[in-house]
Amino acid sequence: MILGIGIDIVRVGRLDSWLENPGLLARFFHQDELAAIERRGSGRVLSLASRFAAKEAFGKALGTGLMHFNLGEVQVRNDELGKPEVILHGRARKAFERMGGVGVFCSLAHERDNAVAVVVIEG
């Protein structure tokens, strides 16, 4: 059963300056995400923007927004085939479990100026 659906869009240019601010990146992204983003070379900002959109979409799917967790507690990674996966840590995991969540599905897309993410929480 679907418990929640969230969608978010991010203007990629808004995050260009974030690449030069390690403190800001550490505040919003899991350390493993940052390592993966660094390996993307010139596509770093697109990857960053789509992952940021996924974090916001997760809060919308949860139905609480960002009230009960930090964005760094929502980790987005790609499996061996490239499919995005959401890994929850700390308070984000607790909020998900309180909701009755058993699965999280995520889709990411980006093109030049915009990045978008859709998150579905399954119960």
PDB file of N, CA and C in Angstrom:
ATOM      1  N   MET A   1       0.836  -1.172   0.000  1.00  0.00           N
ATOM      2  CA  MET A   1       0.000   0.000   0.000  1.00  0.00           C
ATOM      3  C   MET A   1       0.886   1.243   0.000  1.00  0.00           C
ATOM      4  N   ILE A   2       0.513   2.242  -0.771  1.00  0.00           N
ATOM      5  CA  ILE A   2       1.247   3.501  -0.805  1.00  0.00           C
ATOM      6  C   ILE A   2       0.804   4.365   0.376  1.00  0.00           C
ATOM      7  N   LEU A   3       1.784   4.775   1.188  1.00  0.00           N
ATOM      8  CA  LEU A   3       1.510   5.635   2.335  1.00  0.00           C
ATOM      9  C   LEU A   3       1.749   7.105   2.027  1.00  0.00           C
ATOM     10  N   GLY A   4       2.637   7.383   1.080  1.00  0.00           N
ATOM     11  CA  GLY A   4       2.940   8.772   0.764  1.00  0.00           C
ATOM     12  C   GLY A   4       3.700   8.901  -0.539  1.00  0.00           C
ATOM     13  N   ILE A   5       3.468  10.021  -1.226  1.00  0.00           N
ATOM     14  CA  ILE A   5       4.169  10.353  -2.461  1.00  0.00           C
ATOM     15  C   ILE A   5       4.651  11.789  -2.345  1.00  0.00           C
ATOM     16  N   GLY A   6       5.894  12.014  -2.729  1.00  0.00           N
ATOM     17  CA  GLY A   6       6.442  13.366  -2.719  1.00  0.00           C
ATOM     18  C   GLY A   6       7.197  13.639  -4.002  1.00  0.00           C
ATOM     19  N   ILE A   7       7.186  14.896  -4.417  1.00  0.00           N
ATOM     20  CA  ILE A   7       7.928  15.316  -5.611  1.00  0.00           C
ATOM     21  C   ILE A   7       8.582  16.656  -5.298  1.00  0.00           C
ATOM     22  N   ASP A   8       9.761  16.870  -5.868  1.00  0.00           N
ATOM     23  CA  ASP A   8      10.424  18.160  -5.685  1.00  0.00           C
ATOM     24  C   ASP A   8      11.276  18.461  -6.907  1.00  0.00           C
ATOM     25  N   ILE A   9      11.419  19.735  -7.208  1.00  0.00           N
ATOM     26  CA  ILE A   9      12.251  20.190  -8.319  1.00  0.00           C
ATOM     27  C   ILE A   9      13.228  21.239  -7.784  1.00  0.00           C
ATOM     28  N   VAL A  10      14.447  21.185  -8.269  1.00  0.00           N
ATOM     29  CA  VAL A  10      15.504  22.098  -7.826  1.00  0.00           C
ATOM     30  C   VAL A  10      16.135  22.749  -9.054  1.00  0.00           C
ATOM     31  N   ARG A  11      16.297  24.051  -9.002  1.00  0.00           N
ATOM     32  CA  ARG A  11      17.031  24.760 -10.053  1.00  0.00           C
ATOM     33  C   ARG A  11      18.515  24.480  -9.836  1.00  0.00           C
ATOM     34  N   VAL A  12      19.155  23.842 -10.766  1.00  0.00           N
ATOM     35  CA  VAL A  12      20.529  23.372 -10.631  1.00  0.00           C
ATOM     36  C   VAL A  12      21.491  24.515 -10.312  1.00  0.00           C
ATOM     37  N   GLY A  13      21.324  25.662 -10.939  1.00  0.00           N
ATOM     38  CA  GLY A  13      22.216  26.798 -10.717  1.00  0.00           C
ATOM     39  C   GLY A  13      22.264  27.255  -9.272  1.00  0.00           C
ATOM     40  N   ARG A  14      21.198  27.008  -8.538  1.00  0.00           N
ATOM     41  CA  ARG A  14      21.144  27.384  -7.124  1.00  0.00           C
ATOM     42  C   ARG A  14      22.202  26.641  -6.310  1.00  0.00           C
ATOM     43  N   LEU A  15      22.602  25.459  -6.766  1.00  0.00           N
ATOM     44  CA  LEU A  15      23.544  24.646  -6.008  1.00  0.00           C
ATOM     45  C   LEU A  15      24.992  24.754  -6.486  1.00  0.00           C
ATOM     46  N   ASP A  16      25.242  25.498  -7.562  1.00  0.00           N
ATOM     47  CA  ASP A  16      26.615  25.662  -8.060  1.00  0.00           C
ATOM     48  C   ASP A  16      27.570  26.121  -6.968  1.00  0.00           C
ATOM     49  N   SER A  17      27.168  27.124  -6.219  1.00  0.00           N
ATOM     50  CA  SER A  17      28.055  27.674  -5.188  1.00  0.00           C
ATOM     51  C   SER A  17      28.249  26.721  -4.010  1.00  0.00           C
ATOM     52  N   TRP A  18      27.348  25.766  -3.846  1.00  0.00           N
ATOM     53  CA  TRP A  18      27.470  24.807  -2.746  1.00  0.00           C
ATOM     54  C   TRP A  18      28.712  23.943  -2.889  1.00  0.00           C
ATOM     55  N   LEU A  19      29.137  23.709  -4.132  1.00  0.00           N
ATOM     56  CA  LEU A  19      30.308  22.868  -4.363  1.00  0.00           C
ATOM     57  C   LEU A  19      31.565  23.467  -3.750  1.00  0.00           C
ATOM     58  N   GLU A  20      31.547  24.769  -3.528  1.00  0.00           N
ATOM     59  CA  GLU A  20      32.700  25.461  -2.937  1.00  0.00           C
ATOM     60  C   GLU A  20      32.561  25.637  -1.430  1.00  0.00           C
ATOM     61  N   ASN A  21      31.512  25.063  -0.837  1.00  0.00           N
ATOM     62  CA  ASN A  21      31.255  25.248   0.589  1.00  0.00           C
ATOM     63  C   ASN A  21      31.108  23.885   1.277  1.00  0.00           C
ATOM     64  N   PRO A  22      32.230  23.283   1.694  1.00  0.00           N
ATOM     65  CA  PRO A  22      32.177  21.947   2.305  1.00  0.00           C
ATOM     66  C   PRO A  22      31.285  21.873   3.551  1.00  0.00           C
ATOM     67  N   GLY A  23      31.225  22.948   4.329  1.00  0.00           N
ATOM     68  CA  GLY A  23      30.384  22.958   5.525  1.00  0.00           C
ATOM     69  C   GLY A  23      28.905  22.842   5.182  1.00  0.00           C
ATOM     70  N   LEU A  24      28.506  23.530   4.155  1.00  0.00           N
ATOM     71  CA  LEU A  24      27.110  23.474   3.711  1.00  0.00           C
ATOM     72  C   LEU A  24      26.784  22.087   3.162  1.00  0.00           C
ATOM     73  N   LEU A  25      27.688  21.539   2.388  1.00  0.00           N
ATOM     74  CA  LEU A  25      27.479  20.190   1.848  1.00  0.00           C
ATOM     75  C   LEU A  25      27.352  19.167   2.969  1.00  0.00           C
ATOM     76  N   ALA A  26      28.214  19.270   3.973  1.00  0.00           N
ATOM     77  CA  ALA A  26      28.189  18.326   5.102  1.00  0.00           C
ATOM     78  C   ALA A  26      26.890  18.454   5.896  1.00  0.00           C
ATOM     79  N   ARG A  27      26.303  19.619   5.882  1.00  0.00           N
ATOM     80  CA  ARG A  27      25.046  19.843   6.615  1.00  0.00           C
ATOM     81  C   ARG A  27      23.868  19.130   5.953  1.00  0.00           C
ATOM     82  N   PHE A  28      23.869  19.065   4.618  1.00  0.00           N
ATOM     83  CA  PHE A  28      22.715  18.558   3.888  1.00  0.00           C
ATOM     84  C   PHE A  28      22.893  17.172   3.268  1.00  0.00           C
ATOM     85  N   PHE A  29      24.132  16.681   3.213  1.00  0.00           N
ATOM     86  CA  PHE A  29      24.385  15.429   2.518  1.00  0.00           C
ATOM     87  C   PHE A  29      25.156  14.461   3.399  1.00  0.00           C
ATOM     88  N   HIS A  30      24.846  13.186   3.255  1.00  0.00           N
ATOM     89  CA  HIS A  30      25.549  12.118   3.955  1.00  0.00           C
ATOM     90  C   HIS A  30      26.963  12.023   3.379  1.00  0.00           C
ATOM     91  N   GLN A  31      27.932  11.670   4.201  1.00  0.00           N
ATOM     92  CA  GLN A  31      29.330  11.616   3.754  1.00  0.00           C
ATOM     93  C   GLN A  31      29.521  10.663   2.567  1.00  0.00           C
ATOM     94  N   ASP A  32      28.770   9.570   2.521  1.00  0.00           N
ATOM     95  CA  ASP A  32      28.884   8.642   1.393  1.00  0.00           C
ATOM     96  C   ASP A  32      28.333   9.255   0.105  1.00  0.00           C
ATOM     97  N   GLU A  33      27.307  10.096   0.225  1.00  0.00           N
ATOM     98  CA  GLU A  33      26.783  10.799  -0.946  1.00  0.00           C
ATOM     99  C   GLU A  33      27.830  11.742  -1.508  1.00  0.00           C
ATOM    100  N   LEU A  34      28.496  12.461  -0.614  1.00  0.00           N
ATOM    101  CA  LEU A  34      29.501  13.430  -1.051  1.00  0.00           C
ATOM    102  C   LEU A  34      30.654  12.744  -1.767  1.00  0.00           C
ATOM    103  N   ALA A  35      31.063  11.582  -1.277  1.00  0.00           N
ATOM    104  CA  ALA A  35      32.134  10.834  -1.938  1.00  0.00           C
ATOM    105  C   ALA A  35      31.695  10.401  -3.340  1.00  0.00           C
ATOM    106  N   ALA A  36      30.455   9.943  -3.465  1.00  0.00           N
ATOM    107  CA  ALA A  36      29.937   9.512  -4.772  1.00  0.00           C
ATOM    108  C   ALA A  36      29.797  10.695  -5.725  1.00  0.00           C
ATOM    109  N   ILE A  37      29.366  11.822  -5.212  1.00  0.00           N
ATOM    110  CA  ILE A  37      29.200  13.019  -6.039  1.00  0.00           C
ATOM    111  C   ILE A  37      30.548  13.483  -6.584  1.00  0.00           C
ATOM    112  N   GLU A  38      31.576  13.417  -5.783  1.00  0.00           N
ATOM    113  CA  GLU A  38      32.917  13.822  -6.229  1.00  0.00           C
ATOM    114  C   GLU A  38      33.384  12.991  -7.415  1.00  0.00           C
ATOM    115  N   ARG A  39      32.996  11.738  -7.471  1.00  0.00           N
ATOM    116  CA  ARG A  39      33.408  10.865  -8.569  1.00  0.00           C
ATOM    117  C   ARG A  39      32.677  11.189  -9.875  1.00  0.00           C
ATOM    118  N   ARG A  40      31.675  12.033  -9.826  1.00  0.00           N
ATOM    119  CA  ARG A  40      30.878  12.346 -11.018  1.00  0.00           C
ATOM    120  C   ARG A  40      31.510  13.428 -11.898  1.00  0.00           C
ATOM    121  N   GLY A  41      32.598  14.012 -11.455  1.00  0.00           N
ATOM    122  CA  GLY A  41      33.301  15.007 -12.269  1.00  0.00           C
ATOM    123  C   GLY A  41      32.432  16.191 -12.643  1.00  0.00           C
ATOM    124  N   SER A  42      32.310  16.447 -13.945  1.00  0.00           N
ATOM    125  CA  SER A  42      31.568  17.630 -14.398  1.00  0.00           C
ATOM    126  C   SER A  42      30.068  17.522 -14.135  1.00  0.00           C
ATOM    127  N   GLY A  43      29.576  16.320 -13.830  1.00  0.00           N
ATOM    128  CA  GLY A  43      28.152  16.143 -13.525  1.00  0.00           C
ATOM    129  C   GLY A  43      27.828  16.276 -12.051  1.00  0.00           C
ATOM    130  N   ARG A  44      28.802  16.757 -11.275  1.00  0.00           N
ATOM    131  CA  ARG A  44      28.613  16.840  -9.816  1.00  0.00           C
ATOM    132  C   ARG A  44      27.390  17.649  -9.427  1.00  0.00           C
ATOM    133  N   VAL A  45      27.216  18.816 -10.007  1.00  0.00           N
ATOM    134  CA  VAL A  45      26.118  19.691  -9.572  1.00  0.00           C
ATOM    135  C   VAL A  45      24.764  19.087  -9.935  1.00  0.00           C
ATOM    136  N   LEU A  46      24.669  18.370 -11.062  1.00  0.00           N
ATOM    137  CA  LEU A  46      23.414  17.710 -11.432  1.00  0.00           C
ATOM    138  C   LEU A  46      23.072  16.614 -10.427  1.00  0.00           C
ATOM    139  N   SER A  47      24.078  15.846 -10.043  1.00  0.00           N
ATOM    140  CA  SER A  47      23.893  14.785  -9.057  1.00  0.00           C
ATOM    141  C   SER A  47      23.494  15.363  -7.702  1.00  0.00           C
ATOM    142  N   LEU A  48      24.158  16.438  -7.319  1.00  0.00           N
ATOM    143  CA  LEU A  48      23.861  17.115  -6.062  1.00  0.00           C
ATOM    144  C   LEU A  48      22.413  17.616  -6.050  1.00  0.00           C
ATOM    145  N   ALA A  49      22.006  18.265  -7.127  1.00  0.00           N
ATOM    146  CA  ALA A  49      20.659  18.841  -7.204  1.00  0.00           C
ATOM    147  C   ALA A  49      19.581  17.761  -7.170  1.00  0.00           C
ATOM    148  N   SER A  50      19.795  16.662  -7.888  1.00  0.00           N
ATOM    149  CA  SER A  50      18.771  15.617  -7.910  1.00  0.00           C
ATOM    150  C   SER A  50      18.654  14.942  -6.543  1.00  0.00           C
ATOM    151  N   ARG A  51      19.766  14.778  -5.849  1.00  0.00           N
ATOM    152  CA  ARG A  51      19.731  14.185  -4.512  1.00  0.00           C
ATOM    153  C   ARG A  51      19.079  15.126  -3.501  1.00  0.00           C
ATOM    154  N   PHE A  52      19.348  16.414  -3.634  1.00  0.00           N
ATOM    155  CA  PHE A  52      18.691  17.383  -2.756  1.00  0.00           C
ATOM    156  C   PHE A  52      17.179  17.341  -2.981  1.00  0.00           C
ATOM    157  N   ALA A  53      16.755  17.250  -4.234  1.00  0.00           N
ATOM    158  CA  ALA A  53      15.327  17.154  -4.549  1.00  0.00           C
ATOM    159  C   ALA A  53      14.722  15.897  -3.930  1.00  0.00           C
ATOM    160  N   ALA A  54      15.466  14.787  -3.936  1.00  0.00           N
ATOM    161  CA  ALA A  54      14.964  13.538  -3.350  1.00  0.00           C
ATOM    162  C   ALA A  54      14.757  13.676  -1.844  1.00  0.00           C
ATOM    163  N   LYS A  55      15.639  14.373  -1.171  1.00  0.00           N
ATOM    164  CA  LYS A  55      15.507  14.577   0.273  1.00  0.00           C
ATOM    165  C   LYS A  55      14.237  15.378   0.584  1.00  0.00           C
ATOM    166  N   GLU A  56      14.022  16.433  -0.197  1.00  0.00           N
ATOM    167  CA  GLU A  56      12.815  17.249  -0.027  1.00  0.00           C
ATOM    168  C   GLU A  56      11.563  16.429  -0.365  1.00  0.00           C
ATOM    169  N   ALA A  57      11.630  15.638  -1.416  1.00  0.00           N
ATOM    170  CA  ALA A  57      10.490  14.800  -1.806  1.00  0.00           C
ATOM    171  C   ALA A  57      10.185  13.761  -0.731  1.00  0.00           C
ATOM    172  N   PHE A  58      11.214  13.241  -0.074  1.00  0.00           N
ATOM    173  CA  PHE A  58      10.994  12.291   1.016  1.00  0.00           C
ATOM    174  C   PHE A  58      10.195  12.956   2.138  1.00  0.00           C
ATOM    175  N   GLY A  59      10.552  14.175   2.516  1.00  0.00           N
ATOM    176  CA  GLY A  59       9.804  14.892   3.556  1.00  0.00           C
ATOM    177  C   GLY A  59       8.348  15.098   3.168  1.00  0.00           C
ATOM    178  N   LYS A  60       8.101  15.371   1.912  1.00  0.00           N
ATOM    179  CA  LYS A  60       6.726  15.534   1.432  1.00  0.00           C
ATOM    180  C   LYS A  60       5.979  14.203   1.464  1.00  0.00           C
ATOM    181  N   ALA A  61       6.646  13.126   1.060  1.00  0.00           N
ATOM    182  CA  ALA A  61       6.012  11.806   1.095  1.00  0.00           C
ATOM    183  C   ALA A  61       5.709  11.386   2.527  1.00  0.00           C
ATOM    184  N   LEU A  62       6.585  11.779   3.443  1.00  0.00           N
ATOM    185  CA  LEU A  62       6.393  11.470   4.857  1.00  0.00           C
ATOM    186  C   LEU A  62       5.189  12.224   5.422  1.00  0.00           C
ATOM    187  N   GLY A  63       4.891  13.371   4.816  1.00  0.00           N
ATOM    188  CA  GLY A  63       3.746  14.172   5.255  1.00  0.00           C
ATOM    189  C   GLY A  63       4.073  15.172   6.346  1.00  0.00           C
ATOM    190  N   THR A  64       5.333  15.268   6.720  1.00  0.00           N
ATOM    191  CA  THR A  64       5.736  16.175   7.798  1.00  0.00           C
ATOM    192  C   THR A  64       6.671  17.262   7.317  1.00  0.00           C
ATOM    193  N   GLY A  65       7.064  17.209   6.058  1.00  0.00           N
ATOM    194  CA  GLY A  65       8.106  18.105   5.590  1.00  0.00           C
ATOM    195  C   GLY A  65       9.417  17.717   6.274  1.00  0.00           C
ATOM    196  N   LEU A  66      10.205  18.699   6.597  1.00  0.00           N
ATOM    197  CA  LEU A  66      11.530  18.437   7.164  1.00  0.00           C
ATOM    198  C   LEU A  66      11.566  18.617   8.676  1.00  0.00           C
ATOM    199  N   MET A  67      10.410  18.582   9.314  1.00  0.00           N
ATOM    200  CA  MET A  67      10.322  18.877  10.746  1.00  0.00           C
ATOM    201  C   MET A  67      11.024  17.865  11.640  1.00  0.00           C
ATOM    202  N   HIS A  68      11.058  16.600  11.278  1.00  0.00           N
ATOM    203  CA  HIS A  68      11.486  15.574  12.222  1.00  0.00           C
ATOM    204  C   HIS A  68      12.822  14.913  11.891  1.00  0.00           C
ATOM    205  N   PHE A  69      13.583  15.492  10.964  1.00  0.00           N
ATOM    206  CA  PHE A  69      14.871  14.905  10.609  1.00  0.00           C
ATOM    207  C   PHE A  69      15.741  15.943   9.902  1.00  0.00           C
ATOM    208  N   ASN A  70      17.023  15.633   9.802  1.00  0.00           N
ATOM    209  CA  ASN A  70      17.962  16.460   9.050  1.00  0.00           C
ATOM    210  C   ASN A  70      18.135  15.862   7.657  1.00  0.00           C
ATOM    211  N   LEU A  71      18.366  16.707   6.679  1.00  0.00           N
ATOM    212  CA  LEU A  71      18.508  16.212   5.310  1.00  0.00           C
ATOM    213  C   LEU A  71      19.670  15.231   5.163  1.00  0.00           C
ATOM    214  N   GLY A  72      20.709  15.391   5.944  1.00  0.00           N
ATOM    215  CA  GLY A  72      21.844  14.475   5.881  1.00  0.00           C
ATOM    216  C   GLY A  72      21.513  13.068   6.329  1.00  0.00           C
ATOM    217  N   GLU A  73      20.364  12.888   6.983  1.00  0.00           N
ATOM    218  CA  GLU A  73      19.930  11.562   7.429  1.00  0.00           C
ATOM    219  C   GLU A  73      19.225  10.780   6.318  1.00  0.00           C
ATOM    220  N   VAL A  74      18.993  11.433   5.193  1.00  0.00           N
ATOM    221  CA  VAL A  74      18.404  10.787   4.017  1.00  0.00           C
ATOM    222  C   VAL A  74      19.515  10.682   2.987  1.00  0.00           C
ATOM    223  N   GLN A  75      19.964   9.477   2.750  1.00  0.00           N
ATOM    224  CA  GLN A  75      21.066   9.223   1.825  1.00  0.00           C
ATOM    225  C   GLN A  75      20.515   8.641   0.529  1.00  0.00           C
ATOM    226  N   VAL A  76      20.947   9.198  -0.588  1.00  0.00           N
ATOM    227  CA  VAL A  76      20.547   8.684  -1.891  1.00  0.00           C
ATOM    228  C   VAL A  76      21.799   8.125  -2.566  1.00  0.00           C
ATOM    229  N   ARG A  77      21.726   6.860  -2.939  1.00  0.00           N
ATOM    230  CA  ARG A  77      22.845   6.234  -3.639  1.00  0.00           C
ATOM    231  C   ARG A  77      22.293   5.450  -4.820  1.00  0.00           C
ATOM    232  N   ASN A  78      23.191   5.041  -5.691  1.00  0.00           N
ATOM    233  CA  ASN A  78      22.789   4.243  -6.843  1.00  0.00           C
ATOM    234  C   ASN A  78      23.240   2.805  -6.641  1.00  0.00           C
ATOM    235  N   ASP A  79      22.364   1.858  -6.982  1.00  0.00           N
ATOM    236  CA  ASP A  79      22.754   0.454  -6.896  1.00  0.00           C
ATOM    237  C   ASP A  79      23.688   0.118  -8.062  1.00  0.00           C
ATOM    238  N   GLU A  80      24.066  -1.138  -8.188  1.00  0.00           N
ATOM    239  CA  GLU A  80      25.042  -1.536  -9.208  1.00  0.00           C
ATOM    240  C   GLU A  80      24.551  -1.314 -10.636  1.00  0.00           C
ATOM    241  N   LEU A  81      23.241  -1.185 -10.825  1.00  0.00           N
ATOM    242  CA  LEU A  81      22.683  -0.916 -12.149  1.00  0.00           C
ATOM    243  C   LEU A  81      22.380   0.568 -12.370  1.00  0.00           C
ATOM    244  N   GLY A  82      22.610   1.388 -11.338  1.00  0.00           N
ATOM    245  CA  GLY A  82      22.368   2.821 -11.446  1.00  0.00           C
ATOM    246  C   GLY A  82      21.045   3.286 -10.874  1.00  0.00           C
ATOM    247  N   LYS A  83      20.215   2.358 -10.427  1.00  0.00           N
ATOM    248  CA  LYS A  83      18.908   2.717  -9.854  1.00  0.00           C
ATOM    249  C   LYS A  83      19.116   3.446  -8.523  1.00  0.00           C
ATOM    250  N   PRO A  84      18.454   4.597  -8.330  1.00  0.00           N
ATOM    251  CA  PRO A  84      18.601   5.300  -7.049  1.00  0.00           C
ATOM    252  C   PRO A  84      17.902   4.558  -5.913  1.00  0.00           C
ATOM    253  N   GLU A  85      18.558   4.564  -4.766  1.00  0.00           N
ATOM    254  CA  GLU A  85      18.019   3.964  -3.543  1.00  0.00           C
ATOM    255  C   GLU A  85      18.080   5.002  -2.435  1.00  0.00           C
ATOM    256  N   VAL A  86      17.099   4.981  -1.567  1.00  0.00           N
ATOM    257  CA  VAL A  86      17.078   5.867  -0.406  1.00  0.00           C
ATOM    258  C   VAL A  86      17.429   5.046   0.823  1.00  0.00           C
ATOM    259  N   ILE A  87      18.462   5.476   1.525  1.00  0.00           N
ATOM    260  CA  ILE A  87      18.896   4.842   2.765  1.00  0.00           C
ATOM    261  C   ILE A  87      18.628   5.847   3.886  1.00  0.00           C
ATOM    262  N   LEU A  88      17.899   5.418   4.896  1.00  0.00           N
ATOM    263  CA  LEU A  88      17.506   6.316   5.982  1.00  0.00           C
ATOM    264  C   LEU A  88      18.346   6.065   7.225  1.00  0.00           C
ATOM    265  N   HIS A  89      18.709   7.147   7.886  1.00  0.00           N
ATOM    266  CA  HIS A  89      19.507   7.096   9.107  1.00  0.00           C
ATOM    267  C   HIS A  89      18.798   7.904  10.199  1.00  0.00           C
ATOM    268  N   GLY A  90      19.130   7.621  11.438  1.00  0.00           N
ATOM    269  CA  GLY A  90      18.708   8.440  12.575  1.00  0.00           C
ATOM    270  C   GLY A  90      17.227   8.737  12.641  1.00  0.00           C
ATOM    271  N   ARG A  91      16.928  10.024  12.827  1.00  0.00           N
ATOM    272  CA  ARG A  91      15.536  10.455  13.004  1.00  0.00           C
ATOM    273  C   ARG A  91      14.692  10.266  11.754  1.00  0.00           C
ATOM    274  N   ALA A  92      15.318  10.318  10.574  1.00  0.00           N
ATOM    275  CA  ALA A  92      14.566  10.071   9.328  1.00  0.00           C
ATOM    276  C   ALA A  92      14.044   8.634   9.315  1.00  0.00           C
ATOM    277  N   ARG A  93      14.872   7.698   9.733  1.00  0.00           N
ATOM    278  CA  ARG A  93      14.454   6.284   9.798  1.00  0.00           C
ATOM    279  C   ARG A  93      13.335   6.119  10.829  1.00  0.00           C
ATOM    280  N   LYS A  94      13.482   6.770  11.981  1.00  0.00           N
ATOM    281  CA  LYS A  94      12.451   6.656  13.032  1.00  0.00           C
ATOM    282  C   LYS A  94      11.114   7.209  12.559  1.00  0.00           C
ATOM    283  N   ALA A  95      11.133   8.356  11.883  1.00  0.00           N
ATOM    284  CA  ALA A  95       9.891   8.955  11.373  1.00  0.00           C
ATOM    285  C   ALA A  95       9.244   8.036  10.328  1.00  0.00           C
ATOM    286  N   PHE A  96      10.056   7.452   9.486  1.00  0.00           N
ATOM    287  CA  PHE A  96       9.596   6.501   8.470  1.00  0.00           C
ATOM    288  C   PHE A  96       8.942   5.283   9.138  1.00  0.00           C
ATOM    289  N   GLU A  97       9.586   4.751  10.155  1.00  0.00           N
ATOM    290  CA  GLU A  97       9.049   3.578  10.864  1.00  0.00           C
ATOM    291  C   GLU A  97       7.758   3.918  11.609  1.00  0.00           C
ATOM    292  N   ARG A  98       7.702   5.120  12.229  1.00  0.00           N
ATOM    293  CA  ARG A  98       6.468   5.548  12.917  1.00  0.00           C
ATOM    294  C   ARG A  98       5.299   5.623  11.942  1.00  0.00           C
ATOM    295  N   MET A  99       5.594   6.018  10.721  1.00  0.00           N
ATOM    296  CA  MET A  99       4.562   6.120   9.691  1.00  0.00           C
ATOM    297  C   MET A  99       4.070   4.735   9.262  1.00  0.00           C
ATOM    298  N   GLY A 100       4.859   3.707   9.537  1.00  0.00           N
ATOM    299  CA  GLY A 100       4.525   2.361   9.101  1.00  0.00           C
ATOM    300  C   GLY A 100       5.176   1.992   7.781  1.00  0.00           C
ATOM    301  N   GLY A 101       6.193   2.765   7.389  1.00  0.00           N
ATOM    302  CA  GLY A 101       6.877   2.519   6.129  1.00  0.00           C
ATOM    303  C   GLY A 101       7.675   1.227   6.140  1.00  0.00           C
ATOM    304  N   VAL A 102       7.643   0.538   5.011  1.00  0.00           N
ATOM    305  CA  VAL A 102       8.455  -0.670   4.844  1.00  0.00           C
ATOM    306  C   VAL A 102       9.360  -0.570   3.616  1.00  0.00           C
ATOM    307  N   GLY A 103       9.094   0.365   2.727  1.00  0.00           N
ATOM    308  CA  GLY A 103       9.914   0.535   1.536  1.00  0.00           C
ATOM    309  C   GLY A 103       9.874   1.962   1.038  1.00  0.00           C
ATOM    310  N   VAL A 104      10.960   2.378   0.394  1.00  0.00           N
ATOM    311  CA  VAL A 104      11.040   3.711  -0.211  1.00  0.00           C
ATOM    312  C   VAL A 104      11.481   3.527  -1.660  1.00  0.00           C
ATOM    313  N   PHE A 105      10.756   4.128  -2.567  1.00  0.00           N
ATOM    314  CA  PHE A 105      11.103   4.093  -3.980  1.00  0.00           C
ATOM    315  C   PHE A 105      11.400   5.510  -4.433  1.00  0.00           C
ATOM    316  N   CYS A 106      12.398   5.651  -5.290  1.00  0.00           N
ATOM    317  CA  CYS A 106      12.849   6.975  -5.694  1.00  0.00           C
ATOM    318  C   CYS A 106      13.192   6.981  -7.175  1.00  0.00           C
ATOM    319  N   SER A 107      12.830   8.060  -7.840  1.00  0.00           N
ATOM    320  CA  SER A 107      13.235   8.272  -9.225  1.00  0.00           C
ATOM    321  C   SER A 107      13.809   9.677  -9.330  1.00  0.00           C
ATOM    322  N   LEU A 108      14.941   9.790 -10.026  1.00  0.00           N
ATOM    323  CA  LEU A 108      15.627  11.073 -10.196  1.00  0.00           C
ATOM    324  C   LEU A 108      15.744  11.388 -11.680  1.00  0.00           C
ATOM    325  N   ALA A 109      15.704  12.681 -12.005  1.00  0.00           N
ATOM    326  CA  ALA A 109      15.954  13.117 -13.380  1.00  0.00           C
ATOM    327  C   ALA A 109      16.552  14.521 -13.322  1.00  0.00           C
ATOM    328  N   HIS A 110      17.392  14.808 -14.313  1.00  0.00           N
ATOM    329  CA  HIS A 110      17.956  16.158 -14.401  1.00  0.00           C
ATOM    330  C   HIS A 110      18.309  16.467 -15.845  1.00  0.00           C
ATOM    331  N   GLU A 111      18.195  17.738 -16.167  1.00  0.00           N
ATOM    332  CA  GLU A 111      18.580  18.209 -17.486  1.00  0.00           C
ATOM    333  C   GLU A 111      18.932  19.679 -17.388  1.00  0.00           C
ATOM    334  N   ARG A 112      20.144  19.975 -17.659  1.00  0.00           N
ATOM    335  CA  ARG A 112      20.697  21.322 -17.709  1.00  0.00           C
ATOM    336  C   ARG A 112      20.311  22.209 -16.527  1.00  0.00           C
ATOM    337  N   ASP A 113      19.102  22.746 -16.492  1.00  0.00           N
ATOM    338  CA  ASP A 113      18.732  23.757 -15.495  1.00  0.00           C
ATOM    339  C   ASP A 113      17.956  23.219 -14.298  1.00  0.00           C
ATOM    340  N   ASN A 114      17.385  22.041 -14.423  1.00  0.00           N
ATOM    341  CA  ASN A 114      16.501  21.529 -13.378  1.00  0.00           C
ATOM    342  C   ASN A 114      16.788  20.076 -13.043  1.00  0.00           C
ATOM    343  N   ALA A 115      16.549  19.748 -11.784  1.00  0.00           N
ATOM    344  CA  ALA A 115      16.616  18.374 -11.316  1.00  0.00           C
ATOM    345  C   ALA A 115      15.306  18.093 -10.577  1.00  0.00           C
ATOM    346  N   VAL A 116      14.804  16.877 -10.734  1.00  0.00           N
ATOM    347  CA  VAL A 116      13.534  16.518 -10.119  1.00  0.00           C
ATOM    348  C   VAL A 116      13.656  15.143  -9.488  1.00  0.00           C
ATOM    349  N   ALA A 117      12.887  14.939  -8.422  1.00  0.00           N
ATOM    350  CA  ALA A 117      12.858  13.632  -7.759  1.00  0.00           C
ATOM    351  C   ALA A 117      11.424  13.341  -7.343  1.00  0.00           C
ATOM    352  N   VAL A 118      11.090  12.064  -7.426  1.00  0.00           N
ATOM    353  CA  VAL A 118       9.821  11.554  -6.922  1.00  0.00           C
ATOM    354  C   VAL A 118      10.141  10.456  -5.918  1.00  0.00           C
ATOM    355  N   VAL A 119       9.471  10.501  -4.767  1.00  0.00           N
ATOM    356  CA  VAL A 119       9.666   9.481  -3.723  1.00  0.00           C
ATOM    357  C   VAL A 119       8.303   8.906  -3.364  1.00  0.00           C
ATOM    358  N   VAL A 120       8.240   7.577  -3.288  1.00  0.00           N
ATOM    359  CA  VAL A 120       7.030   6.874  -2.872  1.00  0.00           C
ATOM    360  C   VAL A 120       7.381   6.052  -1.633  1.00  0.00           C
ATOM    361  N   ILE A 121       6.573   6.194  -0.586  1.00  0.00           N
ATOM    362  CA  ILE A 121       6.751   5.396   0.626  1.00  0.00           C
ATOM    363  C   ILE A 121       5.674   4.321   0.621  1.00  0.00           C
ATOM    364  N   GLU A 122       6.144   3.089   0.766  1.00  0.00           N
ATOM    365  CA  GLU A 122       5.260   1.927   0.784  1.00  0.00           C
ATOM    366  C   GLU A 122       5.078   1.447   2.219  1.00  0.00           C
ATOM    367  N   GLY A 123       3.867   1.009   2.528  1.00  0.00           N
ATOM    368  CA  GLY A 123       3.571   0.503   3.862  1.00  0.00           C
ATOM    369  C   GLY A 123       3.203  -0.952   3.816  1.00  0.00           C
TER     370      GLY A 123
END
